[in-house]
Amino acid sequence: MKIQDFAPHYEQTSTALPAYQRIKDMILQLVSQGSLVPGSQIPSENELVDALGISRMTVNRAMRELTSEGILTRSRGVGTFIASPKAPGSLFEVHNIADEIKERGHVHSTRVIALEELFTEDDAGWGPGQIPAELGDHAFHSVILHYENEEPFQLEERFVSPELAPDYLAQDFSTSTPNDYLTRVAPLSRGKHVVEAVLASDPQSELLCIDPSQPCLRIERYTYSDAGLVSAARLLHPGSRIRLEGEFGN
């Protein structure tokens, strides 16, 4: 849609509502009508201010709320877009992300950011204590960005036991995933998930192509074989691009 097409739709919204809510209702209506589809770019805040004759603060509030609700996705330096439907993720099971993406009929690809051996005195970005204590004084460390149809979907940071996965650093993670290798050499016997809503750091936001104010979903995943902790991973997803699903009971 062209910027001049937004004003008539805005005028059709209820004047009894605050201006920011009228903007939200306008965009939601355009989405429901099919006038805006996933991937459609929304005019910039400055363009909406000029076209609708309202304040920058009002437009910004509407954009922020629609982003937090998963309707919009904002890429710094690129623009604001109608978000794609959230991809389902498994809450209780450990799946290969490449398989999940391919099952949706989409294309998976990766970018390897880091693949190295670290010791406890090194700064690896994990936080206080760096390497998880269960892995001892050193671990293999990887940071991998996973894409779904060329859109960043998951930023994976992982610490791996050198004793239980000795050839981890020799793997080509541009063509396979850590899950592929780890399930072969150290079959999973149990695991633990910790799920949090967080904001990404500036470097993480840049890699994921999101605005730093956009909420993210972080899954901390600890996987064990019979011999002990094999891997500790932090999986960071833009909140607008994923939802978690799980089943329990009979």
C-alpha atoms as a PDB file:
ATOM      1  CA  MET A   1       0.000   0.000   0.000  1.00  0.00           C
ATOM      2  CA  LYS A   2       1.075   3.564  -0.653  1.00  0.00           C
ATOM      3  CA  ILE A   3       1.387   6.011   2.208  1.00  0.00           C
ATOM      4  CA  GLN A   4      -1.528   8.108   0.911  1.00  0.00           C
ATOM      5  CA  ASP A   5      -3.819   5.076   1.204  1.00  0.00           C
ATOM      6  CA  PHE A   6      -3.468   4.931   4.998  1.00  0.00           C
ATOM      7  CA  ALA A   7      -5.182   8.251   5.842  1.00  0.00           C
ATOM      8  CA  PRO A   8      -8.659   7.236   4.542  1.00  0.00           C
ATOM      9  CA  HIS A   9      -8.518   3.992   6.538  1.00  0.00           C
ATOM     10  CA  TYR A  10      -7.447   5.901   9.647  1.00  0.00           C
ATOM     11  CA  GLU A  11     -10.390   8.288   9.260  1.00  0.00           C
ATOM     12  CA  GLN A  12     -12.763   5.309   9.214  1.00  0.00           C
ATOM     13  CA  THR A  13     -11.709   4.198  12.715  1.00  0.00           C
ATOM     14  CA  SER A  14     -13.688   5.271  15.773  1.00  0.00           C
ATOM     15  CA  THR A  15     -12.906   8.822  16.898  1.00  0.00           C
ATOM     16  CA  ALA A  16     -13.932   7.806  20.417  1.00  0.00           C
ATOM     17  CA  LEU A  17     -10.686   5.848  20.749  1.00  0.00           C
ATOM     18  CA  PRO A  18      -7.235   7.277  21.552  1.00  0.00           C
ATOM     19  CA  ALA A  19      -5.192   8.029  18.431  1.00  0.00           C
ATOM     20  CA  TYR A  20      -2.650   5.268  19.090  1.00  0.00           C
ATOM     21  CA  GLN A  21      -5.469   2.698  19.332  1.00  0.00           C
ATOM     22  CA  ARG A  22      -6.984   4.002  16.081  1.00  0.00           C
ATOM     23  CA  ILE A  23      -3.644   3.384  14.343  1.00  0.00           C
ATOM     24  CA  LYS A  24      -3.527  -0.143  15.756  1.00  0.00           C
ATOM     25  CA  ASP A  25      -7.111  -0.848  14.692  1.00  0.00           C
ATOM     26  CA  MET A  26      -6.389   0.513  11.218  1.00  0.00           C
ATOM     27  CA  ILE A  27      -3.429  -1.819  10.712  1.00  0.00           C
ATOM     28  CA  LEU A  28      -5.247  -4.817  12.207  1.00  0.00           C
ATOM     29  CA  GLN A  29      -8.187  -4.177   9.886  1.00  0.00           C
ATOM     30  CA  LEU A  30      -5.919  -3.916   6.844  1.00  0.00           C
ATOM     31  CA  VAL A  31      -4.308  -7.230   7.831  1.00  0.00           C
ATOM     32  CA  SER A  32      -7.672  -8.960   8.302  1.00  0.00           C
ATOM     33  CA  GLN A  33      -8.853  -7.640   4.913  1.00  0.00           C
ATOM     34  CA  GLY A  34      -5.719  -8.928   3.203  1.00  0.00           C
ATOM     35  CA  SER A  35      -4.613  -5.434   2.168  1.00  0.00           C
ATOM     36  CA  LEU A  36      -1.467  -5.992   4.254  1.00  0.00           C
ATOM     37  CA  VAL A  37       0.045  -9.476   4.150  1.00  0.00           C
ATOM     38  CA  PRO A  38       3.043 -11.007   5.967  1.00  0.00           C
ATOM     39  CA  GLY A  39       6.153  -9.289   4.686  1.00  0.00           C
ATOM     40  CA  SER A  40       4.346  -6.070   3.686  1.00  0.00           C
ATOM     41  CA  GLN A  41       6.357  -3.021   4.710  1.00  0.00           C
ATOM     42  CA  ILE A  42       4.662  -0.387   6.864  1.00  0.00           C
ATOM     43  CA  PRO A  43       5.462   3.288   6.247  1.00  0.00           C
ATOM     44  CA  SER A  44       8.037   4.808   8.571  1.00  0.00           C
ATOM     45  CA  GLU A  45       6.962   6.614  11.725  1.00  0.00           C
ATOM     46  CA  ASN A  46       7.827   9.950  10.120  1.00  0.00           C
ATOM     47  CA  GLU A  47       5.715   9.124   7.063  1.00  0.00           C
ATOM     48  CA  LEU A  48       2.736   8.133   9.249  1.00  0.00           C
ATOM     49  CA  VAL A  49       3.103  11.317  11.299  1.00  0.00           C
ATOM     50  CA  ASP A  50       2.921  13.418   8.140  1.00  0.00           C
ATOM     51  CA  ALA A  51       0.130  11.399   6.510  1.00  0.00           C
ATOM     52  CA  LEU A  52      -2.144  11.140   9.569  1.00  0.00           C
ATOM     53  CA  GLY A  53      -1.352  14.486  11.176  1.00  0.00           C
ATOM     54  CA  ILE A  54      -0.623  13.060  14.618  1.00  0.00           C
ATOM     55  CA  SER A  55       2.363  13.127  16.958  1.00  0.00           C
ATOM     56  CA  ARG A  56       5.493  11.000  16.637  1.00  0.00           C
ATOM     57  CA  MET A  57       4.984   9.766  20.216  1.00  0.00           C
ATOM     58  CA  THR A  58       1.506   8.468  19.345  1.00  0.00           C
ATOM     59  CA  VAL A  59       2.704   6.629  16.250  1.00  0.00           C
ATOM     60  CA  ASN A  60       5.666   5.187  18.137  1.00  0.00           C
ATOM     61  CA  ARG A  61       3.395   3.798  20.864  1.00  0.00           C
ATOM     62  CA  ALA A  62       1.170   2.091  18.308  1.00  0.00           C
ATOM     63  CA  MET A  63       4.188   0.582  16.522  1.00  0.00           C
ATOM     64  CA  ARG A  64       5.750  -0.636  19.773  1.00  0.00           C
ATOM     65  CA  GLU A  65       2.547  -2.268  20.979  1.00  0.00           C
ATOM     66  CA  LEU A  66       1.870  -3.973  17.649  1.00  0.00           C
ATOM     67  CA  THR A  67       5.442  -5.269  17.651  1.00  0.00           C
ATOM     68  CA  SER A  68       5.151  -6.639  21.195  1.00  0.00           C
ATOM     69  CA  GLU A  69       1.861  -8.318  20.207  1.00  0.00           C
ATOM     70  CA  GLY A  70       3.573 -10.059  17.283  1.00  0.00           C
ATOM     71  CA  ILE A  71       1.676  -8.203  14.547  1.00  0.00           C
ATOM     72  CA  LEU A  72       4.711  -6.259  13.339  1.00  0.00           C
ATOM     73  CA  THR A  73       8.399  -7.027  13.152  1.00  0.00           C
ATOM     74  CA  ARG A  74      10.963  -4.233  13.085  1.00  0.00           C
ATOM     75  CA  SER A  75      14.404  -4.569  11.519  1.00  0.00           C
ATOM     76  CA  ARG A  76      16.822  -1.824  12.497  1.00  0.00           C
ATOM     77  CA  GLY A  77      17.967   0.118   9.461  1.00  0.00           C
ATOM     78  CA  VAL A  78      15.556  -1.793   7.200  1.00  0.00           C
ATOM     79  CA  GLY A  79      12.007  -0.960   8.286  1.00  0.00           C
ATOM     80  CA  THR A  80       8.797  -2.260   9.854  1.00  0.00           C
ATOM     81  CA  PHE A  81       6.899  -5.191   8.343  1.00  0.00           C
ATOM     82  CA  ILE A  82       3.787  -7.277   8.905  1.00  0.00           C
ATOM     83  CA  ALA A  83       5.026 -10.319  10.809  1.00  0.00           C
ATOM     84  CA  SER A  84       4.737 -13.836   9.463  1.00  0.00           C
ATOM     85  CA  PRO A  85       2.610 -16.292  11.471  1.00  0.00           C
ATOM     86  CA  LYS A  86       4.567 -17.558  14.442  1.00  0.00           C
ATOM     87  CA  ALA A  87       6.374 -20.826  13.856  1.00  0.00           C
ATOM     88  CA  PRO A  88       5.654 -23.516  16.445  1.00  0.00           C
ATOM     89  CA  GLY A  89       8.481 -24.709  18.674  1.00  0.00           C
ATOM     90  CA  SER A  90       8.554 -27.728  20.924  1.00  0.00           C
ATOM     91  CA  LEU A  91       8.359 -27.100  24.658  1.00  0.00           C
ATOM     92  CA  PHE A  92       8.925 -30.626  25.955  1.00  0.00           C
ATOM     93  CA  GLU A  93      10.975 -32.272  23.205  1.00  0.00           C
ATOM     94  CA  VAL A  94      14.417 -31.674  21.685  1.00  0.00           C
ATOM     95  CA  HIS A  95      14.114 -31.417  17.917  1.00  0.00           C
ATOM     96  CA  ASN A  96      16.598 -30.598  15.207  1.00  0.00           C
ATOM     97  CA  ILE A  97      15.841 -27.020  14.148  1.00  0.00           C
ATOM     98  CA  ALA A  98      16.719 -27.823  10.527  1.00  0.00           C
ATOM     99  CA  ASP A  99      14.116 -30.601  10.476  1.00  0.00           C
ATOM    100  CA  GLU A 100      11.469 -28.365  12.080  1.00  0.00           C
ATOM    101  CA  ILE A 101      11.963 -25.673   9.454  1.00  0.00           C
ATOM    102  CA  LYS A 102      11.975 -28.155   6.566  1.00  0.00           C
ATOM    103  CA  GLU A 103       8.767 -29.768   7.879  1.00  0.00           C
ATOM    104  CA  ARG A 104       7.088 -26.390   7.451  1.00  0.00           C
ATOM    105  CA  GLY A 105       8.132 -26.451   3.800  1.00  0.00           C
ATOM    106  CA  HIS A 106      10.726 -23.733   4.340  1.00  0.00           C
ATOM    107  CA  VAL A 107      14.461 -23.485   3.752  1.00  0.00           C
ATOM    108  CA  HIS A 108      16.948 -23.729   6.625  1.00  0.00           C
ATOM    109  CA  SER A 109      20.417 -22.212   6.485  1.00  0.00           C
ATOM    110  CA  THR A 110      23.045 -21.207   9.022  1.00  0.00           C
ATOM    111  CA  ARG A 111      25.793 -18.696   9.677  1.00  0.00           C
ATOM    112  CA  VAL A 112      28.564 -19.753  12.050  1.00  0.00           C
ATOM    113  CA  ILE A 113      29.514 -16.787  14.252  1.00  0.00           C
ATOM    114  CA  ALA A 114      31.965 -18.594  16.571  1.00  0.00           C
ATOM    115  CA  LEU A 115      33.415 -22.096  16.954  1.00  0.00           C
ATOM    116  CA  GLU A 116      36.171 -22.344  19.553  1.00  0.00           C
ATOM    117  CA  GLU A 117      37.536 -23.855  22.745  1.00  0.00           C
ATOM    118  CA  LEU A 118      37.131 -21.731  25.854  1.00  0.00           C
ATOM    119  CA  PHE A 119      38.428 -21.832  29.411  1.00  0.00           C
ATOM    120  CA  THR A 120      36.831 -20.457  32.552  1.00  0.00           C
ATOM    121  CA  GLU A 121      38.911 -17.264  32.453  1.00  0.00           C
ATOM    122  CA  ASP A 122      37.705 -16.430  28.923  1.00  0.00           C
ATOM    123  CA  ASP A 123      34.813 -14.042  28.286  1.00  0.00           C
ATOM    124  CA  ALA A 124      32.263 -16.025  26.299  1.00  0.00           C
ATOM    125  CA  GLY A 125      29.133 -13.959  26.858  1.00  0.00           C
ATOM    126  CA  TRP A 126      27.350 -16.584  28.956  1.00  0.00           C
ATOM    127  CA  GLY A 127      27.254 -14.372  32.033  1.00  0.00           C
ATOM    128  CA  PRO A 128      28.682 -14.746  35.550  1.00  0.00           C
ATOM    129  CA  GLY A 129      30.812 -17.868  35.694  1.00  0.00           C
ATOM    130  CA  GLN A 130      30.803 -18.135  31.878  1.00  0.00           C
ATOM    131  CA  ILE A 131      31.115 -21.892  31.283  1.00  0.00           C
ATOM    132  CA  PRO A 132      28.428 -23.848  33.188  1.00  0.00           C
ATOM    133  CA  ALA A 133      30.023 -25.361  36.275  1.00  0.00           C
ATOM    134  CA  GLU A 134      28.991 -28.909  35.338  1.00  0.00           C
ATOM    135  CA  LEU A 135      31.287 -28.758  32.305  1.00  0.00           C
ATOM    136  CA  GLY A 136      34.392 -28.052  34.380  1.00  0.00           C
ATOM    137  CA  ASP A 137      37.143 -25.546  33.562  1.00  0.00           C
ATOM    138  CA  HIS A 138      36.866 -25.638  29.767  1.00  0.00           C
ATOM    139  CA  ALA A 139      34.348 -26.355  27.025  1.00  0.00           C
ATOM    140  CA  PHE A 140      33.772 -26.126  23.309  1.00  0.00           C
ATOM    141  CA  HIS A 141      31.754 -23.042  22.410  1.00  0.00           C
ATOM    142  CA  SER A 142      29.674 -22.223  19.351  1.00  0.00           C
ATOM    143  CA  VAL A 143      27.442 -19.354  18.275  1.00  0.00           C
ATOM    144  CA  ILE A 144      25.269 -20.111  15.246  1.00  0.00           C
ATOM    145  CA  LEU A 145      22.570 -18.039  13.578  1.00  0.00           C
ATOM    146  CA  HIS A 146      19.784 -20.134  12.058  1.00  0.00           C
ATOM    147  CA  TYR A 147      17.669 -18.767   9.204  1.00  0.00           C
ATOM    148  CA  GLU A 148      14.210 -19.711   7.994  1.00  0.00           C
ATOM    149  CA  ASN A 149      13.713 -18.637   4.380  1.00  0.00           C
ATOM    150  CA  GLU A 150      16.649 -16.216   4.776  1.00  0.00           C
ATOM    151  CA  GLU A 151      15.063 -14.538   7.825  1.00  0.00           C
ATOM    152  CA  PRO A 152      16.966 -14.900  11.138  1.00  0.00           C
ATOM    153  CA  PHE A 153      14.939 -17.299  13.283  1.00  0.00           C
ATOM    154  CA  GLN A 154      17.190 -18.438  16.132  1.00  0.00           C
ATOM    155  CA  LEU A 155      20.513 -17.351  17.637  1.00  0.00           C
ATOM    156  CA  GLU A 156      22.076 -20.396  19.274  1.00  0.00           C
ATOM    157  CA  GLU A 157      24.913 -20.147  21.799  1.00  0.00           C
ATOM    158  CA  ARG A 158      26.148 -23.523  23.036  1.00  0.00           C
ATOM    159  CA  PHE A 159      28.742 -24.937  25.429  1.00  0.00           C
ATOM    160  CA  VAL A 160      29.702 -28.575  24.839  1.00  0.00           C
ATOM    161  CA  SER A 161      31.649 -31.131  26.860  1.00  0.00           C
ATOM    162  CA  PRO A 162      35.015 -31.900  25.151  1.00  0.00           C
ATOM    163  CA  GLU A 163      35.077 -35.307  26.827  1.00  0.00           C
ATOM    164  CA  LEU A 164      31.654 -36.407  25.562  1.00  0.00           C
ATOM    165  CA  ALA A 165      31.790 -34.720  22.142  1.00  0.00           C
ATOM    166  CA  PRO A 166      35.501 -34.650  21.285  1.00  0.00           C
ATOM    167  CA  ASP A 167      35.165 -33.823  17.568  1.00  0.00           C
ATOM    168  CA  TYR A 168      32.716 -30.947  17.983  1.00  0.00           C
ATOM    169  CA  LEU A 169      35.089 -28.286  16.654  1.00  0.00           C
ATOM    170  CA  ALA A 170      35.796 -30.319  13.523  1.00  0.00           C
ATOM    171  CA  GLN A 171      32.158 -30.272  12.384  1.00  0.00           C
ATOM    172  CA  ASP A 172      30.929 -28.155   9.482  1.00  0.00           C
ATOM    173  CA  PHE A 173      27.921 -26.407  10.984  1.00  0.00           C
ATOM    174  CA  SER A 174      27.241 -24.528   7.783  1.00  0.00           C
ATOM    175  CA  THR A 175      25.838 -27.781   6.382  1.00  0.00           C
ATOM    176  CA  SER A 176      24.630 -29.573   9.532  1.00  0.00           C
ATOM    177  CA  THR A 177      23.537 -28.630  13.064  1.00  0.00           C
ATOM    178  CA  PRO A 178      25.022 -29.274  16.501  1.00  0.00           C
ATOM    179  CA  ASN A 179      22.000 -31.446  17.206  1.00  0.00           C
ATOM    180  CA  ASP A 180      22.958 -33.760  14.318  1.00  0.00           C
ATOM    181  CA  TYR A 181      26.399 -34.418  15.748  1.00  0.00           C
ATOM    182  CA  LEU A 182      25.523 -34.502  19.443  1.00  0.00           C
ATOM    183  CA  THR A 183      22.686 -36.999  19.068  1.00  0.00           C
ATOM    184  CA  ARG A 184      25.081 -39.350  17.243  1.00  0.00           C
ATOM    185  CA  VAL A 185      27.966 -39.244  19.712  1.00  0.00           C
ATOM    186  CA  ALA A 186      26.113 -38.736  23.019  1.00  0.00           C
ATOM    187  CA  PRO A 187      22.484 -39.912  22.806  1.00  0.00           C
ATOM    188  CA  LEU A 188      20.129 -37.928  25.014  1.00  0.00           C
ATOM    189  CA  SER A 189      18.980 -39.567  28.233  1.00  0.00           C
ATOM    190  CA  ARG A 190      17.388 -36.537  29.903  1.00  0.00           C
ATOM    191  CA  GLY A 191      17.153 -32.776  29.545  1.00  0.00           C
ATOM    192  CA  LYS A 192      15.961 -29.544  31.093  1.00  0.00           C
ATOM    193  CA  HIS A 193      14.382 -26.426  29.567  1.00  0.00           C
ATOM    194  CA  VAL A 194      14.204 -22.970  31.132  1.00  0.00           C
ATOM    195  CA  VAL A 195      12.070 -20.458  29.176  1.00  0.00           C
ATOM    196  CA  GLU A 196      12.223 -16.687  29.688  1.00  0.00           C
ATOM    197  CA  ALA A 197      10.999 -13.545  27.949  1.00  0.00           C
ATOM    198  CA  VAL A 198      13.998 -11.232  27.505  1.00  0.00           C
ATOM    199  CA  LEU A 199      15.317  -8.318  25.482  1.00  0.00           C
ATOM    200  CA  ALA A 200      18.228  -9.061  23.180  1.00  0.00           C
ATOM    201  CA  SER A 201      21.516  -7.216  23.562  1.00  0.00           C
ATOM    202  CA  ASP A 202      22.469  -4.747  20.839  1.00  0.00           C
ATOM    203  CA  PRO A 203      24.797  -7.284  19.112  1.00  0.00           C
ATOM    204  CA  GLN A 204      22.091  -9.962  19.307  1.00  0.00           C
ATOM    205  CA  SER A 205      19.462  -7.564  17.940  1.00  0.00           C
ATOM    206  CA  GLU A 206      21.733  -6.743  15.033  1.00  0.00           C
ATOM    207  CA  LEU A 207      22.254 -10.409  14.183  1.00  0.00           C
ATOM    208  CA  LEU A 208      18.520 -11.170  14.438  1.00  0.00           C
ATOM    209  CA  CYS A 209      17.630  -8.019  12.455  1.00  0.00           C
ATOM    210  CA  ILE A 210      15.179  -6.785  15.083  1.00  0.00           C
ATOM    211  CA  ASP A 211      14.649  -3.578  17.012  1.00  0.00           C
ATOM    212  CA  PRO A 212      16.262  -3.775  20.498  1.00  0.00           C
ATOM    213  CA  SER A 213      12.859  -3.035  22.067  1.00  0.00           C
ATOM    214  CA  GLN A 214      11.301  -6.165  20.535  1.00  0.00           C
ATOM    215  CA  PRO A 215      10.721  -8.932  23.123  1.00  0.00           C
ATOM    216  CA  CYS A 216      12.502 -12.230  22.568  1.00  0.00           C
ATOM    217  CA  LEU A 217      11.950 -15.747  23.824  1.00  0.00           C
ATOM    218  CA  ARG A 218      15.024 -17.436  25.277  1.00  0.00           C
ATOM    219  CA  ILE A 219      15.172 -21.171  25.888  1.00  0.00           C
ATOM    220  CA  GLU A 220      18.009 -22.479  28.046  1.00  0.00           C
ATOM    221  CA  ARG A 221      18.430 -26.140  27.189  1.00  0.00           C
ATOM    222  CA  TYR A 222      20.574 -28.604  29.147  1.00  0.00           C
ATOM    223  CA  THR A 223      20.968 -32.045  27.600  1.00  0.00           C
ATOM    224  CA  TYR A 224      22.478 -35.067  29.349  1.00  0.00           C
ATOM    225  CA  SER A 225      23.665 -38.501  28.298  1.00  0.00           C
ATOM    226  CA  ASP A 226      24.211 -41.344  30.735  1.00  0.00           C
ATOM    227  CA  ALA A 227      27.760 -39.994  31.247  1.00  0.00           C
ATOM    228  CA  GLY A 228      26.714 -36.478  32.295  1.00  0.00           C
ATOM    229  CA  LEU A 229      26.018 -33.003  30.870  1.00  0.00           C
ATOM    230  CA  VAL A 230      26.730 -32.957  27.151  1.00  0.00           C
ATOM    231  CA  SER A 231      25.562 -29.501  26.166  1.00  0.00           C
ATOM    232  CA  ALA A 232      24.208 -26.261  27.610  1.00  0.00           C
ATOM    233  CA  ALA A 233      22.581 -23.991  25.048  1.00  0.00           C
ATOM    234  CA  ARG A 234      20.806 -20.652  24.936  1.00  0.00           C
ATOM    235  CA  LEU A 235      18.372 -20.392  22.039  1.00  0.00           C
ATOM    236  CA  LEU A 236      17.178 -16.837  21.370  1.00  0.00           C
ATOM    237  CA  HIS A 237      14.137 -16.208  19.146  1.00  0.00           C
ATOM    238  CA  PRO A 238      12.404 -12.959  18.212  1.00  0.00           C
ATOM    239  CA  GLY A 239       9.087 -13.200  20.041  1.00  0.00           C
ATOM    240  CA  SER A 240       7.160 -12.301  16.884  1.00  0.00           C
ATOM    241  CA  ARG A 241       8.507 -15.355  15.044  1.00  0.00           C
ATOM    242  CA  ILE A 242       7.826 -18.276  17.397  1.00  0.00           C
ATOM    243  CA  ARG A 243       5.323 -19.834  19.750  1.00  0.00           C
ATOM    244  CA  LEU A 244       5.904 -22.858  21.992  1.00  0.00           C
ATOM    245  CA  GLU A 245       3.707 -25.927  21.907  1.00  0.00           C
ATOM    246  CA  GLY A 246       3.608 -29.030  24.083  1.00  0.00           C
ATOM    247  CA  GLU A 247       1.345 -31.907  25.001  1.00  0.00           C
ATOM    248  CA  PHE A 248       1.095 -33.890  28.185  1.00  0.00           C
ATOM    249  CA  GLY A 249      -1.091 -36.601  29.646  1.00  0.00           C
ATOM    250  CA  ASN A 250      -2.674 -39.584  27.946  1.00  0.00           C
END
